[in-house]
Amino acid sequence: MSRKRDEDEDESQENLMVLRLPEKYAQIVRQAVNKGNLRERLQIDIKDDCRNALLKIENETLTGKLVDLPCIMECQKTIDNKTFYKSGDICQMLLVCVQYSAIDIS
């Protein structure tokens, strides 16, 4: 395959990660997704090192760390619940805690 074709295929897939939140905040995010106002209630700021993040959920600020998963998971989408197509690979998780010192992952 040509290099141009590889770049086009990469652009068609989304950048995906698992977002792991404490239960209290997971419920808030779940409600925001269901109501369609996620952009108003959740803000994620990934730092320059691409491993640490700050999350604002409503009026509270949480800290997170981006960690690599032990294996790659394929994510798929469907329009008609019959045909599925690959939309991306998930290989990272944003692990979020209330206190930064609670995250101790090397």
N, C-alpha and C. Protein backbone atom coordinates (compact mmCIF):
# COMPACT_ATOMS: atom_id res chain seq x y z
N MET A 1 0.83 -1.19 0.00
CA MET A 1 0.00 0.00 0.00
C MET A 1 0.87 1.24 0.00
N SER A 2 0.34 2.27 -0.57
CA SER A 2 1.08 3.53 -0.58
C SER A 2 0.93 4.23 0.77
N ARG A 3 1.85 5.10 1.03
CA ARG A 3 1.82 5.86 2.28
C ARG A 3 0.57 6.73 2.37
N LYS A 4 0.15 7.32 1.27
CA LYS A 4 -1.04 8.18 1.25
C LYS A 4 -2.28 7.40 1.67
N ARG A 5 -2.41 6.18 1.19
CA ARG A 5 -3.58 5.38 1.52
C ARG A 5 -3.60 5.03 3.00
N ASP A 6 -2.44 4.74 3.61
CA ASP A 6 -2.36 4.45 5.04
C ASP A 6 -2.83 5.66 5.86
N GLU A 7 -2.42 6.85 5.45
CA GLU A 7 -2.82 8.06 6.17
C GLU A 7 -4.33 8.27 6.07
N ASP A 8 -4.92 8.01 4.91
CA ASP A 8 -6.37 8.16 4.73
C ASP A 8 -7.13 7.20 5.62
N GLU A 9 -6.66 5.97 5.74
CA GLU A 9 -7.34 4.98 6.58
C GLU A 9 -7.28 5.40 8.04
N ASP A 10 -6.14 5.95 8.48
CA ASP A 10 -6.02 6.38 9.87
C ASP A 10 -6.98 7.52 10.17
N GLU A 11 -7.22 8.41 9.23
CA GLU A 11 -8.11 9.54 9.45
C GLU A 11 -9.56 9.11 9.59
N SER A 12 -9.93 7.98 9.03
CA SER A 12 -11.31 7.53 9.09
C SER A 12 -11.66 6.93 10.46
N GLN A 13 -10.65 6.60 11.24
CA GLN A 13 -10.90 6.03 12.56
C GLN A 13 -10.79 7.11 13.63
N GLU A 14 -11.53 6.90 14.69
CA GLU A 14 -11.56 7.86 15.78
C GLU A 14 -10.47 7.54 16.80
N ASN A 15 -10.06 8.56 17.56
CA ASN A 15 -9.16 8.34 18.69
C ASN A 15 -10.04 8.04 19.89
N LEU A 16 -9.88 6.86 20.46
CA LEU A 16 -10.77 6.40 21.53
C LEU A 16 -9.98 6.04 22.77
N MET A 17 -10.62 6.18 23.93
CA MET A 17 -10.06 5.73 25.20
C MET A 17 -11.21 5.43 26.15
N VAL A 18 -10.92 4.63 27.14
CA VAL A 18 -11.88 4.32 28.19
C VAL A 18 -11.78 5.41 29.24
N LEU A 19 -12.89 5.91 29.72
CA LEU A 19 -12.92 6.91 30.77
C LEU A 19 -13.44 6.25 32.04
N ARG A 20 -12.57 6.12 33.04
CA ARG A 20 -12.96 5.47 34.30
C ARG A 20 -13.07 6.53 35.39
N LEU A 21 -14.28 6.68 35.92
CA LEU A 21 -14.60 7.71 36.90
C LEU A 21 -15.09 7.10 38.20
N PRO A 22 -14.94 7.83 39.32
CA PRO A 22 -15.62 7.41 40.55
C PRO A 22 -17.13 7.38 40.30
N GLU A 23 -17.85 6.52 40.98
CA GLU A 23 -19.27 6.28 40.73
C GLU A 23 -20.11 7.56 40.72
N LYS A 24 -19.87 8.45 41.66
CA LYS A 24 -20.64 9.69 41.75
C LYS A 24 -20.55 10.49 40.45
N TYR A 25 -19.35 10.61 39.91
CA TYR A 25 -19.12 11.39 38.69
C TYR A 25 -19.54 10.61 37.45
N ALA A 26 -19.44 9.30 37.49
CA ALA A 26 -19.89 8.47 36.37
C ALA A 26 -21.39 8.66 36.15
N GLN A 27 -22.15 8.76 37.23
CA GLN A 27 -23.59 8.98 37.11
C GLN A 27 -23.89 10.34 36.49
N ILE A 28 -23.13 11.37 36.87
CA ILE A 28 -23.32 12.71 36.30
C ILE A 28 -23.03 12.68 34.80
N VAL A 29 -21.93 12.04 34.41
CA VAL A 29 -21.57 11.98 32.99
C VAL A 29 -22.59 11.15 32.21
N ARG A 30 -23.06 10.06 32.80
CA ARG A 30 -24.06 9.21 32.14
C ARG A 30 -25.34 10.01 31.89
N GLN A 31 -25.78 10.79 32.88
CA GLN A 31 -26.97 11.62 32.71
C GLN A 31 -26.76 12.67 31.63
N ALA A 32 -25.55 13.27 31.59
CA ALA A 32 -25.25 14.29 30.58
C ALA A 32 -25.27 13.69 29.17
N VAL A 33 -24.76 12.47 29.02
CA VAL A 33 -24.78 11.80 27.72
C VAL A 33 -26.22 11.54 27.30
N ASN A 34 -27.04 11.04 28.21
CA ASN A 34 -28.43 10.74 27.90
C ASN A 34 -29.24 11.99 27.55
N LYS A 35 -28.92 13.11 28.20
CA LYS A 35 -29.66 14.36 27.93
C LYS A 35 -29.07 15.14 26.75
N GLY A 36 -27.88 14.76 26.32
CA GLY A 36 -27.26 15.43 25.19
C GLY A 36 -26.54 16.72 25.52
N ASN A 37 -26.21 16.96 26.79
CA ASN A 37 -25.51 18.19 27.16
C ASN A 37 -24.14 17.90 27.79
N LEU A 38 -23.45 16.92 27.24
CA LEU A 38 -22.14 16.52 27.78
C LEU A 38 -21.12 17.64 27.66
N ARG A 39 -21.11 18.35 26.55
CA ARG A 39 -20.13 19.43 26.36
C ARG A 39 -20.27 20.54 27.39
N GLU A 40 -21.45 20.74 27.90
CA GLU A 40 -21.67 21.78 28.90
C GLU A 40 -21.22 21.34 30.29
N ARG A 41 -21.20 20.04 30.55
CA ARG A 41 -20.96 19.54 31.91
C ARG A 41 -19.60 18.87 32.10
N LEU A 42 -18.88 18.55 31.01
CA LEU A 42 -17.60 17.85 31.12
C LEU A 42 -16.56 18.54 30.26
N GLN A 43 -15.40 18.80 30.86
CA GLN A 43 -14.27 19.36 30.13
C GLN A 43 -13.03 18.57 30.50
N ILE A 44 -12.28 18.10 29.50
CA ILE A 44 -11.06 17.32 29.72
C ILE A 44 -9.89 18.10 29.16
N ASP A 45 -8.87 18.33 29.99
CA ASP A 45 -7.66 19.04 29.58
C ASP A 45 -6.48 18.10 29.79
N ILE A 46 -5.94 17.55 28.70
CA ILE A 46 -4.79 16.66 28.80
C ILE A 46 -3.54 17.52 28.74
N LYS A 47 -2.63 17.31 29.69
CA LYS A 47 -1.43 18.12 29.82
C LYS A 47 -0.43 17.82 28.70
N ASP A 48 0.62 18.64 28.62
CA ASP A 48 1.63 18.52 27.57
C ASP A 48 2.36 17.18 27.58
N ASP A 49 2.46 16.54 28.74
CA ASP A 49 3.16 15.25 28.80
C ASP A 49 2.32 14.10 28.26
N CYS A 50 1.07 14.37 27.91
CA CYS A 50 0.12 13.39 27.34
C CYS A 50 -0.15 12.22 28.28
N ARG A 51 0.09 12.37 29.55
CA ARG A 51 -0.18 11.32 30.53
C ARG A 51 -1.03 11.79 31.70
N ASN A 52 -1.06 13.08 31.97
CA ASN A 52 -1.83 13.64 33.08
C ASN A 52 -2.93 14.53 32.53
N ALA A 53 -4.04 14.59 33.26
CA ALA A 53 -5.19 15.36 32.79
C ALA A 53 -5.93 15.98 33.96
N LEU A 54 -6.63 17.07 33.66
CA LEU A 54 -7.57 17.69 34.59
C LEU A 54 -8.95 17.59 33.97
N LEU A 55 -9.93 17.18 34.77
CA LEU A 55 -11.31 17.09 34.31
C LEU A 55 -12.16 18.01 35.16
N LYS A 56 -13.04 18.73 34.49
CA LYS A 56 -14.02 19.54 35.20
C LYS A 56 -15.37 18.93 34.91
N ILE A 57 -16.00 18.44 35.95
CA ILE A 57 -17.35 17.90 35.86
C ILE A 57 -18.23 18.82 36.68
N GLU A 58 -19.08 19.54 35.98
CA GLU A 58 -19.88 20.61 36.57
C GLU A 58 -18.94 21.60 37.24
N ASN A 59 -18.95 21.74 38.54
CA ASN A 59 -18.09 22.72 39.22
C ASN A 59 -16.92 22.09 39.95
N GLU A 60 -16.69 20.82 39.78
CA GLU A 60 -15.62 20.13 40.50
C GLU A 60 -14.49 19.76 39.56
N THR A 61 -13.25 19.87 40.07
CA THR A 61 -12.07 19.53 39.29
C THR A 61 -11.49 18.22 39.80
N LEU A 62 -11.23 17.31 38.87
CA LEU A 62 -10.66 16.01 39.20
C LEU A 62 -9.35 15.85 38.44
N THR A 63 -8.50 14.96 38.92
CA THR A 63 -7.24 14.67 38.24
C THR A 63 -7.31 13.29 37.62
N GLY A 64 -6.57 13.12 36.55
CA GLY A 64 -6.56 11.82 35.88
C GLY A 64 -5.20 11.50 35.31
N LYS A 65 -5.00 10.23 35.05
CA LYS A 65 -3.76 9.76 34.47
C LYS A 65 -4.11 8.84 33.31
N LEU A 66 -3.50 9.06 32.16
CA LEU A 66 -3.72 8.24 30.99
C LEU A 66 -2.77 7.05 31.05
N VAL A 67 -3.34 5.86 31.10
CA VAL A 67 -2.54 4.63 31.21
C VAL A 67 -2.79 3.75 29.99
N ASP A 68 -1.80 2.95 29.65
CA ASP A 68 -1.93 2.02 28.52
C ASP A 68 -2.61 0.75 28.99
N LEU A 69 -3.51 0.23 28.19
CA LEU A 69 -4.18 -1.04 28.48
C LEU A 69 -3.27 -2.19 28.03
N PRO A 70 -3.42 -3.36 28.64
CA PRO A 70 -2.54 -4.48 28.28
C PRO A 70 -2.79 -5.05 26.89
N CYS A 71 -3.95 -4.75 26.31
CA CYS A 71 -4.23 -5.23 24.95
C CYS A 71 -5.08 -4.18 24.23
N ILE A 72 -5.14 -4.30 22.93
CA ILE A 72 -5.91 -3.37 22.11
C ILE A 72 -7.31 -3.93 21.90
N MET A 73 -8.32 -3.09 22.12
CA MET A 73 -9.70 -3.49 21.89
C MET A 73 -10.21 -2.78 20.64
N GLU A 74 -10.91 -3.50 19.80
CA GLU A 74 -11.48 -2.93 18.59
C GLU A 74 -12.88 -2.40 18.90
N CYS A 75 -13.15 -1.17 18.50
CA CYS A 75 -14.46 -0.56 18.71
C CYS A 75 -15.22 -0.59 17.38
N GLN A 76 -16.50 -0.93 17.45
CA GLN A 76 -17.31 -1.01 16.24
C GLN A 76 -18.58 -0.19 16.39
N LYS A 77 -19.10 0.29 15.25
CA LYS A 77 -20.35 1.04 15.21
C LYS A 77 -21.32 0.33 14.28
N THR A 78 -22.60 0.64 14.46
CA THR A 78 -23.62 0.12 13.57
C THR A 78 -24.69 1.19 13.36
N ILE A 79 -25.33 1.12 12.22
CA ILE A 79 -26.44 2.03 11.93
C ILE A 79 -27.75 1.27 11.98
N ASP A 80 -27.73 0.03 11.51
CA ASP A 80 -28.95 -0.76 11.39
C ASP A 80 -29.03 -1.97 12.33
N ASN A 81 -28.11 -2.08 13.26
CA ASN A 81 -28.03 -3.20 14.20
C ASN A 81 -27.80 -4.54 13.52
N LYS A 82 -27.36 -4.52 12.27
CA LYS A 82 -27.04 -5.75 11.54
C LYS A 82 -25.61 -5.72 11.03
N THR A 83 -25.23 -4.61 10.46
CA THR A 83 -23.90 -4.47 9.89
C THR A 83 -23.05 -3.62 10.82
N PHE A 84 -21.88 -4.13 11.18
CA PHE A 84 -20.96 -3.42 12.05
C PHE A 84 -19.71 -3.05 11.27
N TYR A 85 -19.15 -1.91 11.59
CA TYR A 85 -17.88 -1.54 10.97
C TYR A 85 -16.95 -0.98 12.04
N LYS A 86 -15.66 -1.19 11.82
CA LYS A 86 -14.66 -0.76 12.78
C LYS A 86 -14.54 0.75 12.77
N SER A 87 -14.60 1.35 13.96
CA SER A 87 -14.48 2.80 14.05
C SER A 87 -13.19 3.23 14.75
N GLY A 88 -12.50 2.28 15.38
CA GLY A 88 -11.25 2.65 16.03
C GLY A 88 -10.73 1.55 16.94
N ASP A 89 -9.56 1.80 17.49
CA ASP A 89 -8.94 0.90 18.46
C ASP A 89 -8.82 1.63 19.79
N ILE A 90 -9.07 0.91 20.86
CA ILE A 90 -8.94 1.46 22.20
C ILE A 90 -7.73 0.80 22.85
N CYS A 91 -6.73 1.61 23.20
CA CYS A 91 -5.53 1.05 23.82
C CYS A 91 -5.13 1.83 25.07
N GLN A 92 -5.94 2.83 25.48
CA GLN A 92 -5.63 3.61 26.66
C GLN A 92 -6.87 3.85 27.50
N MET A 93 -6.63 4.14 28.80
CA MET A 93 -7.71 4.43 29.72
C MET A 93 -7.33 5.68 30.51
N LEU A 94 -8.28 6.61 30.64
CA LEU A 94 -8.08 7.78 31.49
C LEU A 94 -8.66 7.44 32.86
N LEU A 95 -7.77 7.22 33.80
CA LEU A 95 -8.13 6.83 35.16
C LEU A 95 -8.25 8.10 35.99
N VAL A 96 -9.46 8.38 36.49
CA VAL A 96 -9.75 9.64 37.16
C VAL A 96 -10.01 9.41 38.64
N CYS A 97 -9.42 10.27 39.48
CA CYS A 97 -9.60 10.21 40.93
C CYS A 97 -9.91 11.61 41.45
N VAL A 98 -10.44 11.66 42.65
CA VAL A 98 -10.75 12.95 43.26
C VAL A 98 -9.47 13.64 43.69
N GLN A 99 -8.52 12.88 44.24
CA GLN A 99 -7.24 13.43 44.69
C GLN A 99 -6.12 12.86 43.83
N TYR A 100 -5.19 13.72 43.45
CA TYR A 100 -4.09 13.29 42.57
C TYR A 100 -3.23 12.23 43.24
N SER A 101 -3.04 12.34 44.56
CA SER A 101 -2.17 11.37 45.26
C SER A 101 -2.77 9.96 45.24
N ALA A 102 -4.06 9.85 44.95
CA ALA A 102 -4.69 8.53 44.90
C ALA A 102 -4.26 7.73 43.68
N ILE A 103 -3.73 8.42 42.65
CA ILE A 103 -3.29 7.73 41.43
C ILE A 103 -1.82 7.40 41.59
N ASP A 104 -1.50 6.13 41.69
CA ASP A 104 -0.11 5.71 41.85
C ASP A 104 0.16 4.58 40.84
N ILE A 105 0.30 4.97 39.60
CA ILE A 105 0.53 3.99 38.54
C ILE A 105 1.83 4.33 37.86
N SER A 106 2.70 3.40 37.76
CA SER A 106 4.00 3.64 37.12
C SER A 106 4.00 3.14 35.70
